[in-house]
Protein backbone atom coordinates (compact mmCIF):
# COMPACT_ATOMS: atom_id res chain seq x y z
CA MET A 1 -26.75 101.52 65.22
CA ALA A 2 -30.24 102.61 65.24
CA MET A 3 -32.81 99.84 65.30
CA PRO A 4 -36.14 99.70 63.38
CA ASP A 5 -39.44 100.28 65.36
CA ARG A 6 -40.67 96.92 64.12
CA PRO A 7 -38.95 93.66 64.32
CA LEU A 8 -36.69 92.36 61.60
CA PHE A 9 -37.80 90.11 59.02
CA GLU A 10 -34.79 88.88 57.06
CA SER A 11 -34.41 86.51 54.01
CA ILE A 12 -31.18 84.69 52.99
CA GLU A 13 -31.39 83.99 49.20
CA GLY A 14 -28.93 82.86 46.60
CA LEU A 15 -27.70 79.92 44.56
CA PRO A 16 -26.98 76.64 46.10
CA GLY A 17 -23.61 76.52 47.67
CA THR A 18 -23.48 80.26 48.49
CA GLY A 19 -24.12 79.58 52.27
CA LYS A 20 -27.76 80.07 52.88
CA SER A 21 -28.04 76.99 55.03
CA THR A 22 -25.06 77.79 57.18
CA ILE A 23 -25.59 81.66 57.38
CA ALA A 24 -29.40 81.72 58.20
CA PRO A 25 -29.25 79.90 61.44
CA LEU A 26 -26.19 82.00 62.45
CA LEU A 27 -28.08 85.15 61.58
CA ALA A 28 -31.05 84.06 63.42
CA GLU A 29 -28.83 83.29 66.56
CA ALA A 30 -27.25 86.66 66.13
CA ARG A 31 -30.35 88.66 65.90
CA GLN A 32 -32.11 86.56 68.55
CA ALA A 33 -34.70 85.88 65.91
CA VAL A 34 -36.83 82.83 65.09
CA LEU A 35 -35.49 80.87 62.00
CA VAL A 36 -38.71 79.89 60.12
CA PRO A 37 -38.62 77.03 57.40
CA THR A 38 -40.35 78.42 54.34
CA VAL A 39 -41.02 74.72 53.24
CA PRO A 40 -42.64 73.44 56.55
CA PRO A 41 -41.67 70.07 57.58
CA PHE A 42 -44.98 68.57 56.60
CA TYR A 43 -44.49 69.70 53.07
CA GLN A 44 -41.26 67.85 52.77
CA PRO A 45 -42.64 64.17 51.80
CA LEU A 46 -44.60 65.89 49.01
CA ARG A 47 -41.80 67.87 47.71
CA ARG A 48 -39.51 64.91 47.54
CA GLU A 49 -42.37 63.14 45.58
CA LEU A 50 -42.96 66.11 43.24
CA ASP A 51 -39.20 66.48 42.58
CA LEU A 52 -39.31 63.26 40.82
CA TYR A 53 -41.53 64.89 38.33
CA GLU A 54 -40.95 67.32 35.32
CA ASN A 55 -43.87 69.80 35.83
CA ALA A 56 -42.52 73.22 36.84
CA ASP A 57 -46.02 74.58 37.39
CA ALA A 58 -46.97 71.97 39.80
CA ARG A 59 -43.78 72.30 41.80
CA MET A 60 -44.17 76.06 41.81
CA CYS A 61 -47.63 75.57 43.37
CA LEU A 62 -46.27 73.41 45.95
CA PHE A 63 -43.60 75.96 46.96
CA LEU A 64 -46.26 78.82 46.82
CA SER A 65 -48.51 76.98 49.13
CA ALA A 66 -45.64 76.25 51.56
CA LEU A 67 -44.54 79.87 51.44
CA PHE A 68 -48.13 80.99 52.03
CA THR A 69 -48.23 78.93 55.25
CA ALA A 70 -45.10 80.08 56.35
CA ALA A 71 -46.00 83.58 55.61
CA ASP A 72 -48.86 83.26 58.10
CA GLN A 73 -46.49 82.03 60.87
CA ILE A 74 -43.89 84.81 60.06
CA GLN A 75 -46.67 87.25 60.56
CA ARG A 76 -47.75 85.91 63.92
CA TYR A 77 -44.12 86.26 65.11
CA LEU A 78 -43.53 89.73 63.55
CA ASP A 79 -47.06 90.80 65.39
CA ALA A 80 -45.71 89.33 68.68
CA GLY A 81 -42.55 91.65 68.34
CA ILE A 82 -40.25 88.78 67.47
CA ALA A 83 -37.68 88.95 64.62
CA VAL A 84 -37.52 86.38 61.99
CA VAL A 85 -35.01 84.93 59.46
CA VAL A 86 -35.78 82.72 56.73
CA GLU A 87 -33.48 80.67 54.20
CA SER A 88 -35.49 81.71 51.02
CA TYR A 89 -38.78 83.31 50.42
CA PHE A 90 -40.84 84.33 47.48
CA ALA A 91 -38.10 85.68 45.50
CA ARG A 92 -36.50 82.12 45.17
CA CYS A 93 -39.72 80.46 44.15
CA LEU A 94 -40.69 83.01 41.67
CA THR A 95 -37.08 83.45 40.05
CA THR A 96 -36.45 79.70 40.10
CA HIS A 97 -39.53 78.52 38.80
CA GLY A 98 -39.69 81.19 36.08
CA VAL A 99 -36.31 80.12 34.88
CA PHE A 100 -37.44 76.52 34.97
CA GLY A 101 -40.26 77.12 32.53
CA ALA A 102 -43.24 77.66 34.75
CA LYS A 103 -45.79 79.26 32.83
CA LEU A 104 -48.03 80.44 35.77
CA GLU A 105 -48.31 84.33 36.37
CA VAL A 106 -48.44 85.09 40.09
CA ALA A 107 -49.26 88.35 41.37
CA LEU A 108 -48.43 88.28 45.32
CA PRO A 109 -51.30 89.63 47.49
CA ASP A 110 -50.72 92.84 49.36
CA GLY A 111 -49.89 92.54 52.96
CA LEU A 112 -47.34 89.50 53.06
CA PRO A 113 -44.54 90.18 55.31
CA GLN A 114 -41.85 91.84 53.32
CA PRO A 115 -38.22 90.87 54.32
CA VAL A 116 -35.05 92.82 54.11
CA THR A 117 -33.27 90.32 51.51
CA TYR A 118 -29.47 89.30 51.39
CA GLN A 119 -28.57 87.84 47.96
CA LEU A 120 -25.35 85.71 48.97
CA VAL A 121 -23.15 85.34 45.81
CA CYS A 122 -20.06 83.35 45.57
CA GLU A 123 -17.29 82.81 42.88
CA PRO A 124 -18.46 79.82 40.63
CA ASP A 125 -15.39 77.75 41.17
CA GLU A 126 -15.73 78.09 44.86
CA ARG A 127 -19.51 77.54 44.79
CA LEU A 128 -19.19 74.46 42.90
CA LYS A 129 -16.33 73.20 45.25
CA ARG A 130 -18.92 73.63 48.17
CA LEU A 131 -21.57 71.72 46.14
CA ALA A 132 -19.14 68.72 45.46
CA GLU A 133 -18.39 68.49 49.12
CA ARG A 134 -22.03 68.13 50.09
CA ASP A 135 -23.41 64.60 51.11
CA LYS A 136 -26.83 65.36 49.46
CA PRO A 137 -28.06 63.97 46.10
CA MET A 138 -28.70 66.28 43.23
CA THR A 139 -32.38 66.16 41.75
CA ARG A 140 -33.15 66.88 38.18
CA TRP A 141 -34.13 70.35 39.48
CA ASP A 142 -30.73 70.89 41.00
CA VAL A 143 -29.01 70.08 37.67
CA LEU A 144 -31.48 72.43 35.99
CA GLY A 145 -30.62 75.39 38.45
CA GLU A 146 -26.90 74.68 37.67
CA GLN A 147 -27.48 75.02 33.98
CA HIS A 148 -29.06 78.12 34.37
CA ALA A 149 -26.97 79.66 37.35
CA ASP A 150 -26.19 82.84 35.85
CA GLN A 151 -29.84 83.58 34.68
CA LEU A 152 -31.04 82.80 38.34
CA THR A 153 -28.57 85.29 39.93
CA ASP A 154 -29.58 87.86 37.43
CA ALA A 155 -33.35 87.22 37.99
CA TYR A 156 -32.98 87.79 41.78
CA ARG A 157 -31.98 91.32 40.82
CA GLN A 158 -35.62 92.30 39.96
CA PHE A 159 -35.98 92.28 43.90
CA PRO A 160 -34.59 94.82 46.27
CA VAL A 161 -31.52 92.88 47.68
CA HIS A 162 -28.40 93.45 49.60
CA GLU A 163 -25.81 91.33 47.72
CA ILE A 164 -23.15 89.83 49.88
CA ASP A 165 -20.09 87.84 48.46
CA THR A 166 -19.48 84.79 50.56
CA THR A 167 -16.38 83.62 48.46
CA THR A 168 -13.59 84.29 50.93
CA GLY A 169 -15.09 85.16 54.32
CA THR A 170 -16.00 82.70 57.12
CA PRO A 171 -19.68 82.32 57.93
CA ASP A 172 -19.09 84.66 60.91
CA ASP A 173 -17.65 87.13 58.55
CA VAL A 174 -20.83 87.08 56.42
CA VAL A 175 -22.92 87.37 59.57
CA ARG A 176 -20.83 90.33 60.73
CA THR A 177 -21.36 91.93 57.27
CA ILE A 178 -24.99 91.74 57.49
CA LEU A 179 -25.03 92.96 61.16
CA SER A 180 -23.12 95.95 60.17
CA LEU A 181 -25.66 97.31 57.62
CA ASN A 182 -27.07 100.52 58.89
CA ALA A 183 -30.37 99.37 60.37
CA ILE A 184 -32.14 102.62 59.11
CA GLU A 185 -30.74 101.92 55.47
CA VAL A 186 -31.90 98.32 55.85
CA ASP A 187 -35.31 99.53 57.01
CA HIS A 188 -35.87 101.44 53.91
CA ALA A 189 -34.46 98.72 51.47
CA ASP A 190 -37.66 96.52 51.71
CA ARG A 191 -40.11 99.16 50.69
């Protein structure tokens, strides 16, 4: 497999329960990449507080701020020749908040690191089963997302993504699928 001239930057996207939180660290380990949180830890208390409110525009602004902060860190790693994996990037923020009713129109600046994006998908019954097994309370935003799951999945398709079904395979199978993609093809997919 031919490797790209620059370090890979990969984003794992998808609805809750498709496997993002499981696959992202496994992919980072397999790639010997850094896993960068796109909502840095110091944003988490404010995120929890803001999740109590109903203002989609305010929530979107918080996530955009977090993502721009993470993008600076991602760029530093890439400039140092270090591959990066993230669990969600601007695609999730823009699609999710658009579906949630945010009215902000956002034009992302040129020069942001552009990932190769994998959209994890899963049959609805299996995805809902996985969500039910989680030990995590659902916020009003999680409920809203579930009410619009099909719309969110379709909204991701405005971005160049490699769709990967996680319904039946193990997490290792999913990572092997990602790793098996032709690196030259992947290199062109994010342009």
